[in-house]
Amino acid sequence: MKVLVLSDSHGNIDNMIQAVEREAPRMIIHLGDCWRDAERLRDRFPELPLEQVYGNCDYFRGSRDAEKLLYLGDKRVLLCHGHTYGVKQSLLTAGLAAEEQDLDLFLFGHTHKPLVDKRGKTLFLNPGSIGDYARPTYGIVTLEDEKLDARTALLRD
């Protein structure tokens, strides 16, 4: 299974569409900043399951989720924007949360800097910013034969 992970689109719908068309994923995850962008992507690709959480630039709260736990196969995956875990300063709080929640994958954005890192049993992925006009990046998560992998990609390479 291939999952496209996007974050920090900030109104750049065209970059998101290009990433979907380029990667042909089976699922899309949007990690916030901007909620409405993900809704527009859902309208464009209604056949693809899409999960999303809000970010620090999404000015509503209510019933929308700041974070979500989901399962890819039997893998526990946390989706969050990252601002509530202080990811711009360090991954210490995120790492503690990953350990406490027995996570296999911790997905976050917010920093606009792509990252793939393994800490203990948890794989961390920050897809960077798909909304960046100079260097838009995104993430790909694959699950094959119960093996979880993640990578980042530059939209224009």
N, C-alpha and C. Protein backbone atom coordinates (compact mmCIF):
# COMPACT_ATOMS: atom_id res chain seq x y z
N MET A 1 0.84 -1.17 0.00
CA MET A 1 0.00 0.00 0.00
C MET A 1 0.89 1.24 0.00
N LYS A 2 0.57 2.18 -0.87
CA LYS A 2 1.31 3.44 -0.95
C LYS A 2 0.40 4.56 -0.45
N VAL A 3 0.94 5.36 0.51
CA VAL A 3 0.20 6.48 1.09
C VAL A 3 0.98 7.76 0.80
N LEU A 4 0.29 8.75 0.25
CA LEU A 4 0.88 10.06 0.01
C LEU A 4 0.64 10.92 1.24
N VAL A 5 1.71 11.51 1.78
CA VAL A 5 1.62 12.34 2.98
C VAL A 5 1.98 13.78 2.61
N LEU A 6 1.03 14.68 2.86
CA LEU A 6 1.18 16.09 2.53
C LEU A 6 1.05 16.93 3.79
N SER A 7 1.71 18.07 3.79
CA SER A 7 1.56 19.00 4.90
C SER A 7 1.85 20.41 4.40
N ASP A 8 1.34 21.38 5.12
CA ASP A 8 1.66 22.78 4.89
C ASP A 8 1.47 23.18 3.42
N SER A 9 0.28 22.91 2.93
CA SER A 9 -0.04 23.24 1.53
C SER A 9 -0.28 24.73 1.33
N HIS A 10 -0.77 25.42 2.33
CA HIS A 10 -0.92 26.88 2.32
C HIS A 10 -1.52 27.42 1.02
N GLY A 11 -2.56 26.73 0.53
CA GLY A 11 -3.28 27.20 -0.64
C GLY A 11 -2.75 26.72 -1.98
N ASN A 12 -1.67 25.99 -2.00
CA ASN A 12 -1.08 25.52 -3.26
C ASN A 12 -1.69 24.18 -3.66
N ILE A 13 -2.90 24.24 -4.20
CA ILE A 13 -3.63 23.04 -4.61
C ILE A 13 -2.93 22.36 -5.79
N ASP A 14 -2.40 23.14 -6.72
CA ASP A 14 -1.76 22.56 -7.91
C ASP A 14 -0.62 21.61 -7.55
N ASN A 15 0.20 21.97 -6.58
CA ASN A 15 1.30 21.08 -6.17
C ASN A 15 0.75 19.77 -5.61
N MET A 16 -0.33 19.85 -4.84
CA MET A 16 -0.91 18.62 -4.28
C MET A 16 -1.43 17.72 -5.40
N ILE A 17 -2.12 18.30 -6.35
CA ILE A 17 -2.65 17.53 -7.48
C ILE A 17 -1.51 16.86 -8.25
N GLN A 18 -0.44 17.60 -8.49
CA GLN A 18 0.71 17.02 -9.19
C GLN A 18 1.30 15.83 -8.43
N ALA A 19 1.38 15.95 -7.11
CA ALA A 19 1.93 14.85 -6.29
C ALA A 19 1.03 13.62 -6.38
N VAL A 20 -0.27 13.81 -6.32
CA VAL A 20 -1.20 12.68 -6.43
C VAL A 20 -1.05 12.02 -7.79
N GLU A 21 -1.03 12.81 -8.85
CA GLU A 21 -0.93 12.25 -10.20
C GLU A 21 0.42 11.56 -10.42
N ARG A 22 1.46 12.09 -9.83
CA ARG A 22 2.80 11.51 -9.98
C ARG A 22 2.93 10.17 -9.23
N GLU A 23 2.37 10.10 -8.03
CA GLU A 23 2.59 8.93 -7.16
C GLU A 23 1.49 7.86 -7.26
N ALA A 24 0.29 8.23 -7.69
CA ALA A 24 -0.85 7.30 -7.77
C ALA A 24 -1.00 6.50 -6.46
N PRO A 25 -1.21 7.19 -5.33
CA PRO A 25 -1.32 6.50 -4.04
C PRO A 25 -2.68 5.82 -3.88
N ARG A 26 -2.76 4.96 -2.86
CA ARG A 26 -4.04 4.34 -2.50
C ARG A 26 -4.73 5.12 -1.40
N MET A 27 -4.02 6.08 -0.80
CA MET A 27 -4.57 6.89 0.29
C MET A 27 -3.77 8.18 0.38
N ILE A 28 -4.44 9.24 0.89
CA ILE A 28 -3.78 10.53 1.09
C ILE A 28 -3.95 10.94 2.55
N ILE A 29 -2.88 11.48 3.13
CA ILE A 29 -2.92 12.05 4.47
C ILE A 29 -2.46 13.50 4.37
N HIS A 30 -3.25 14.41 4.95
CA HIS A 30 -2.88 15.83 4.98
C HIS A 30 -2.72 16.24 6.44
N LEU A 31 -1.56 16.77 6.78
CA LEU A 31 -1.19 17.05 8.17
C LEU A 31 -1.40 18.50 8.58
N GLY A 32 -2.28 19.21 7.90
CA GLY A 32 -2.64 20.55 8.34
C GLY A 32 -1.96 21.68 7.61
N ASP A 33 -2.52 22.85 7.86
CA ASP A 33 -2.12 24.09 7.21
C ASP A 33 -2.27 23.96 5.69
N CYS A 34 -3.35 23.81 5.17
CA CYS A 34 -4.68 24.34 5.34
C CYS A 34 -5.75 23.26 5.14
N TRP A 35 -6.66 23.18 6.08
CA TRP A 35 -7.74 22.21 6.09
C TRP A 35 -8.53 22.26 4.78
N ARG A 36 -8.85 23.46 4.34
CA ARG A 36 -9.66 23.64 3.14
C ARG A 36 -8.96 23.06 1.90
N ASP A 37 -7.64 23.11 1.85
CA ASP A 37 -6.89 22.54 0.73
C ASP A 37 -7.15 21.04 0.62
N ALA A 38 -7.13 20.37 1.77
CA ALA A 38 -7.38 18.92 1.78
C ALA A 38 -8.80 18.62 1.31
N GLU A 39 -9.75 19.45 1.70
CA GLU A 39 -11.13 19.25 1.24
C GLU A 39 -11.23 19.40 -0.28
N ARG A 40 -10.51 20.35 -0.82
CA ARG A 40 -10.51 20.53 -2.27
C ARG A 40 -9.85 19.35 -2.97
N LEU A 41 -8.82 18.79 -2.36
CA LEU A 41 -8.17 17.61 -2.91
C LEU A 41 -9.12 16.41 -2.88
N ARG A 42 -9.88 16.29 -1.80
CA ARG A 42 -10.87 15.22 -1.68
C ARG A 42 -11.92 15.35 -2.80
N ASP A 43 -12.34 16.57 -3.08
CA ASP A 43 -13.30 16.80 -4.16
C ASP A 43 -12.72 16.39 -5.52
N ARG A 44 -11.44 16.63 -5.71
CA ARG A 44 -10.77 16.31 -6.98
C ARG A 44 -10.54 14.81 -7.15
N PHE A 45 -10.27 14.11 -6.05
CA PHE A 45 -9.98 12.67 -6.08
C PHE A 45 -10.90 11.93 -5.10
N PRO A 46 -12.20 11.91 -5.36
CA PRO A 46 -13.15 11.33 -4.40
C PRO A 46 -12.97 9.82 -4.18
N GLU A 47 -12.30 9.16 -5.09
CA GLU A 47 -12.10 7.71 -4.96
C GLU A 47 -10.99 7.35 -3.98
N LEU A 48 -10.18 8.33 -3.60
CA LEU A 48 -9.06 8.07 -2.68
C LEU A 48 -9.44 8.41 -1.25
N PRO A 49 -9.26 7.47 -0.32
CA PRO A 49 -9.47 7.81 1.09
C PRO A 49 -8.50 8.92 1.49
N LEU A 50 -9.00 9.88 2.26
CA LEU A 50 -8.18 11.00 2.71
C LEU A 50 -8.42 11.22 4.19
N GLU A 51 -7.35 11.26 4.96
CA GLU A 51 -7.39 11.58 6.38
C GLU A 51 -6.68 12.91 6.57
N GLN A 52 -7.19 13.72 7.52
CA GLN A 52 -6.54 14.99 7.76
C GLN A 52 -6.69 15.44 9.21
N VAL A 53 -5.76 16.30 9.61
CA VAL A 53 -5.80 16.95 10.91
C VAL A 53 -5.55 18.44 10.67
N TYR A 54 -5.91 19.27 11.64
CA TYR A 54 -5.68 20.69 11.45
C TYR A 54 -4.31 21.10 11.97
N GLY A 55 -3.84 22.24 11.45
CA GLY A 55 -2.56 22.79 11.86
C GLY A 55 -2.72 24.12 12.56
N ASN A 56 -1.60 24.73 12.90
CA ASN A 56 -1.64 25.99 13.63
C ASN A 56 -2.19 27.15 12.81
N CYS A 57 -2.22 27.05 11.50
CA CYS A 57 -2.79 28.11 10.66
C CYS A 57 -4.25 27.85 10.30
N ASP A 58 -4.83 26.78 10.80
CA ASP A 58 -6.25 26.49 10.59
C ASP A 58 -6.99 27.07 11.78
N TYR A 59 -7.76 28.13 11.54
CA TYR A 59 -8.28 28.95 12.63
C TYR A 59 -9.61 28.50 13.19
N PHE A 60 -9.93 27.26 13.10
CA PHE A 60 -11.13 26.72 13.71
C PHE A 60 -10.71 25.55 14.57
N ARG A 61 -11.56 25.10 15.38
CA ARG A 61 -11.29 23.90 16.17
C ARG A 61 -12.54 23.04 16.11
N GLY A 62 -13.40 23.17 17.09
CA GLY A 62 -14.65 22.42 17.06
C GLY A 62 -14.44 20.92 16.97
N SER A 63 -15.15 20.29 16.06
CA SER A 63 -15.12 18.83 15.97
C SER A 63 -13.96 18.31 15.12
N ARG A 64 -13.15 19.18 14.58
CA ARG A 64 -12.03 18.72 13.76
C ARG A 64 -10.88 18.29 14.66
N ASP A 65 -10.11 17.33 14.17
CA ASP A 65 -9.06 16.71 15.00
C ASP A 65 -7.72 17.41 14.89
N ALA A 66 -7.08 17.62 16.04
CA ALA A 66 -5.71 18.11 16.08
C ALA A 66 -4.74 16.95 15.86
N GLU A 67 -5.18 15.75 16.22
CA GLU A 67 -4.39 14.55 15.94
C GLU A 67 -5.33 13.36 15.82
N LYS A 68 -4.84 12.34 15.15
CA LYS A 68 -5.63 11.14 14.90
C LYS A 68 -4.72 9.92 14.97
N LEU A 69 -5.23 8.88 15.57
CA LEU A 69 -4.55 7.60 15.55
C LEU A 69 -5.26 6.73 14.52
N LEU A 70 -4.51 6.19 13.59
CA LEU A 70 -5.12 5.26 12.64
C LEU A 70 -4.21 4.06 12.47
N TYR A 71 -4.74 3.07 11.82
CA TYR A 71 -3.99 1.84 11.59
C TYR A 71 -3.78 1.64 10.10
N LEU A 72 -2.55 1.35 9.72
CA LEU A 72 -2.23 0.88 8.39
C LEU A 72 -1.85 -0.58 8.59
N GLY A 73 -2.73 -1.47 8.16
CA GLY A 73 -2.54 -2.87 8.53
C GLY A 73 -2.59 -2.96 10.03
N ASP A 74 -1.56 -3.53 10.64
CA ASP A 74 -1.51 -3.61 12.10
C ASP A 74 -0.58 -2.55 12.70
N LYS A 75 -0.17 -1.58 11.90
CA LYS A 75 0.76 -0.54 12.35
C LYS A 75 0.00 0.65 12.92
N ARG A 76 0.42 1.09 14.10
CA ARG A 76 -0.20 2.25 14.77
C ARG A 76 0.47 3.52 14.26
N VAL A 77 -0.36 4.42 13.73
CA VAL A 77 0.15 5.63 13.10
C VAL A 77 -0.54 6.84 13.72
N LEU A 78 0.26 7.80 14.18
CA LEU A 78 -0.28 9.06 14.70
C LEU A 78 -0.12 10.14 13.65
N LEU A 79 -1.21 10.86 13.37
CA LEU A 79 -1.20 12.01 12.47
C LEU A 79 -1.34 13.25 13.34
N CYS A 80 -0.47 14.22 13.13
CA CYS A 80 -0.60 15.51 13.81
C CYS A 80 0.14 16.55 12.98
N HIS A 81 -0.14 17.80 13.25
CA HIS A 81 0.60 18.85 12.54
C HIS A 81 1.98 19.02 13.16
N GLY A 82 2.06 18.86 14.46
CA GLY A 82 3.36 18.93 15.14
C GLY A 82 3.52 20.10 16.08
N HIS A 83 2.73 21.14 15.88
CA HIS A 83 2.89 22.33 16.73
C HIS A 83 2.59 22.05 18.19
N THR A 84 1.68 21.12 18.47
CA THR A 84 1.35 20.80 19.86
C THR A 84 2.42 19.95 20.54
N TYR A 85 3.38 19.45 19.75
CA TYR A 85 4.49 18.66 20.30
C TYR A 85 5.81 19.44 20.26
N GLY A 86 5.77 20.70 19.86
CA GLY A 86 6.97 21.53 19.86
C GLY A 86 8.05 21.05 18.90
N VAL A 87 7.65 20.52 17.74
CA VAL A 87 8.62 19.91 16.82
C VAL A 87 9.61 20.90 16.21
N LYS A 88 9.32 22.19 16.28
CA LYS A 88 10.31 23.16 15.77
C LYS A 88 11.51 23.26 16.70
N GLN A 89 11.31 22.92 17.98
CA GLN A 89 12.41 22.96 18.94
C GLN A 89 13.17 21.63 18.99
N SER A 90 12.42 20.52 19.11
CA SER A 90 13.05 19.20 19.16
C SER A 90 11.97 18.13 18.99
N LEU A 91 12.42 16.89 18.86
CA LEU A 91 11.48 15.77 18.77
C LEU A 91 11.35 15.03 20.10
N LEU A 92 11.82 15.63 21.18
CA LEU A 92 11.78 15.00 22.49
C LEU A 92 10.35 14.67 22.91
N THR A 93 9.45 15.64 22.87
CA THR A 93 8.06 15.41 23.28
C THR A 93 7.38 14.42 22.33
N ALA A 94 7.65 14.55 21.04
CA ALA A 94 7.09 13.61 20.06
C ALA A 94 7.60 12.20 20.33
N GLY A 95 8.87 12.08 20.64
CA GLY A 95 9.45 10.77 20.93
C GLY A 95 8.84 10.13 22.16
N LEU A 96 8.61 10.92 23.19
CA LEU A 96 7.96 10.40 24.40
C LEU A 96 6.54 9.95 24.10
N ALA A 97 5.81 10.74 23.32
CA ALA A 97 4.44 10.38 22.94
C ALA A 97 4.44 9.10 22.11
N ALA A 98 5.40 8.96 21.21
CA ALA A 98 5.48 7.77 20.38
C ALA A 98 5.71 6.52 21.23
N GLU A 99 6.57 6.66 22.23
CA GLU A 99 6.84 5.53 23.11
C GLU A 99 5.62 5.21 23.98
N GLU A 100 5.00 6.23 24.55
CA GLU A 100 3.82 6.02 25.40
C GLU A 100 2.67 5.38 24.65
N GLN A 101 2.50 5.76 23.37
CA GLN A 101 1.38 5.27 22.59
C GLN A 101 1.73 4.05 21.75
N ASP A 102 2.96 3.54 21.91
CA ASP A 102 3.41 2.36 21.18
C ASP A 102 3.22 2.53 19.67
N LEU A 103 3.70 3.66 19.16
CA LEU A 103 3.50 3.98 17.74
C LEU A 103 4.55 3.33 16.85
N ASP A 104 4.10 2.95 15.68
CA ASP A 104 5.01 2.47 14.64
C ASP A 104 5.44 3.61 13.73
N LEU A 105 4.56 4.61 13.58
CA LEU A 105 4.82 5.73 12.68
C LEU A 105 4.24 7.01 13.27
N PHE A 106 5.04 8.05 13.32
CA PHE A 106 4.63 9.36 13.82
C PHE A 106 4.75 10.33 12.65
N LEU A 107 3.61 10.83 12.17
CA LEU A 107 3.58 11.75 11.03
C LEU A 107 3.33 13.17 11.53
N PHE A 108 4.16 14.12 11.09
CA PHE A 108 3.99 15.50 11.50
C PHE A 108 4.52 16.42 10.41
N GLY A 109 4.11 17.68 10.49
CA GLY A 109 4.58 18.71 9.56
C GLY A 109 5.11 19.88 10.35
N HIS A 110 4.61 21.08 10.04
CA HIS A 110 4.85 22.31 10.77
C HIS A 110 6.21 22.96 10.50
N THR A 111 7.29 22.22 10.42
CA THR A 111 8.61 22.82 10.27
C THR A 111 8.94 23.18 8.82
N HIS A 112 8.21 22.62 7.87
CA HIS A 112 8.46 22.78 6.43
C HIS A 112 9.77 22.11 6.01
N LYS A 113 10.36 21.31 6.88
CA LYS A 113 11.63 20.64 6.58
C LYS A 113 11.41 19.13 6.52
N PRO A 114 11.66 18.51 5.36
CA PRO A 114 11.48 17.06 5.24
C PRO A 114 12.41 16.31 6.20
N LEU A 115 11.88 15.22 6.75
CA LEU A 115 12.67 14.41 7.69
C LEU A 115 12.14 12.99 7.69
N VAL A 116 13.06 12.04 7.67
CA VAL A 116 12.76 10.64 7.95
C VAL A 116 13.77 10.21 9.01
N ASP A 117 13.26 9.69 10.12
CA ASP A 117 14.13 9.32 11.22
C ASP A 117 13.52 8.13 11.94
N LYS A 118 14.35 7.27 12.48
CA LYS A 118 13.88 6.13 13.27
C LYS A 118 14.40 6.30 14.68
N ARG A 119 13.47 6.25 15.65
CA ARG A 119 13.83 6.36 17.06
C ARG A 119 13.17 5.21 17.78
N GLY A 120 13.98 4.29 18.25
CA GLY A 120 13.43 3.08 18.84
C GLY A 120 12.69 2.32 17.76
N LYS A 121 11.46 1.92 18.05
CA LYS A 121 10.67 1.19 17.05
C LYS A 121 9.88 2.13 16.14
N THR A 122 9.88 3.44 16.46
CA THR A 122 9.02 4.39 15.76
C THR A 122 9.74 5.07 14.60
N LEU A 123 9.09 5.06 13.46
CA LEU A 123 9.55 5.78 12.29
C LEU A 123 8.88 7.16 12.31
N PHE A 124 9.67 8.22 12.16
CA PHE A 124 9.16 9.59 12.13
C PHE A 124 9.26 10.11 10.70
N LEU A 125 8.17 10.73 10.24
CA LEU A 125 8.18 11.33 8.91
C LEU A 125 7.57 12.71 8.94
N ASN A 126 8.34 13.67 8.45
CA ASN A 126 7.84 15.02 8.17
C ASN A 126 7.98 15.18 6.66
N PRO A 127 6.86 15.35 5.95
CA PRO A 127 6.93 15.45 4.49
C PRO A 127 7.45 16.79 3.98
N GLY A 128 7.69 17.74 4.88
CA GLY A 128 8.08 19.08 4.45
C GLY A 128 6.84 19.86 4.04
N SER A 129 7.00 20.77 3.11
CA SER A 129 5.89 21.62 2.69
C SER A 129 5.58 21.44 1.20
N ILE A 130 4.41 20.89 0.90
CA ILE A 130 3.97 20.77 -0.49
C ILE A 130 3.58 22.14 -1.04
N GLY A 131 3.31 23.09 -0.17
CA GLY A 131 2.92 24.43 -0.59
C GLY A 131 4.08 25.33 -0.95
N ASP A 132 5.30 24.92 -0.68
CA ASP A 132 6.47 25.73 -1.00
C ASP A 132 6.56 25.92 -2.51
N TYR A 133 6.72 27.14 -2.95
CA TYR A 133 6.78 27.40 -4.39
C TYR A 133 8.15 27.12 -4.99
N ALA A 134 9.20 27.17 -4.18
CA ALA A 134 10.56 26.94 -4.69
C ALA A 134 10.97 25.47 -4.62
N ARG A 135 10.72 24.81 -3.47
CA ARG A 135 11.12 23.41 -3.27
C ARG A 135 10.00 22.63 -2.59
N PRO A 136 8.90 22.37 -3.30
CA PRO A 136 7.81 21.62 -2.68
C PRO A 136 8.19 20.16 -2.46
N THR A 137 7.90 19.67 -1.26
CA THR A 137 8.22 18.28 -0.92
C THR A 137 6.99 17.59 -0.35
N TYR A 138 7.03 16.27 -0.38
CA TYR A 138 5.96 15.45 0.18
C TYR A 138 6.57 14.15 0.68
N GLY A 139 5.74 13.35 1.34
CA GLY A 139 6.21 12.07 1.86
C GLY A 139 5.45 10.91 1.25
N ILE A 140 6.11 9.77 1.23
CA ILE A 140 5.50 8.52 0.79
C ILE A 140 5.72 7.48 1.88
N VAL A 141 4.64 6.87 2.31
CA VAL A 141 4.71 5.77 3.26
C VAL A 141 4.27 4.52 2.50
N THR A 142 5.03 3.46 2.63
CA THR A 142 4.64 2.19 2.02
C THR A 142 4.55 1.12 3.09
N LEU A 143 3.57 0.27 2.91
CA LEU A 143 3.40 -0.88 3.78
C LEU A 143 3.29 -2.10 2.87
N GLU A 144 4.31 -2.95 2.93
CA GLU A 144 4.34 -4.18 2.13
C GLU A 144 4.81 -5.31 3.02
N ASP A 145 4.06 -6.41 2.98
CA ASP A 145 4.41 -7.59 3.79
C ASP A 145 4.66 -7.21 5.24
N GLU A 146 3.79 -6.34 5.79
CA GLU A 146 3.87 -5.88 7.17
C GLU A 146 5.13 -5.07 7.48
N LYS A 147 5.86 -4.65 6.44
CA LYS A 147 7.05 -3.81 6.62
C LYS A 147 6.68 -2.37 6.25
N LEU A 148 6.95 -1.47 7.18
CA LEU A 148 6.64 -0.06 7.02
C LEU A 148 7.89 0.68 6.58
N ASP A 149 7.75 1.55 5.57
CA ASP A 149 8.87 2.34 5.10
C ASP A 149 8.38 3.74 4.80
N ALA A 150 9.28 4.71 4.81
CA ALA A 150 8.92 6.10 4.52
C ALA A 150 10.08 6.79 3.81
N ARG A 151 9.70 7.72 2.96
CA ARG A 151 10.70 8.53 2.26
C ARG A 151 10.09 9.89 1.95
N THR A 152 10.93 10.86 1.65
CA THR A 152 10.45 12.16 1.19
C THR A 152 10.86 12.32 -0.27
N ALA A 153 10.15 13.21 -0.96
CA ALA A 153 10.44 13.45 -2.38
C ALA A 153 10.26 14.93 -2.68
N LEU A 154 11.06 15.39 -3.62
CA LEU A 154 10.94 16.74 -4.14
C LEU A 154 10.00 16.69 -5.33
N LEU A 155 9.00 17.55 -5.36
CA LEU A 155 8.01 17.51 -6.44
C LEU A 155 8.66 17.80 -7.79
N ARG A 156 9.58 18.74 -7.81
CA ARG A 156 10.25 19.09 -9.07
C ARG A 156 11.72 18.72 -8.97
N ASP A 157 12.05 17.55 -9.51
CA ASP A 157 13.48 17.16 -9.45
C ASP A 157 14.04 16.93 -10.83
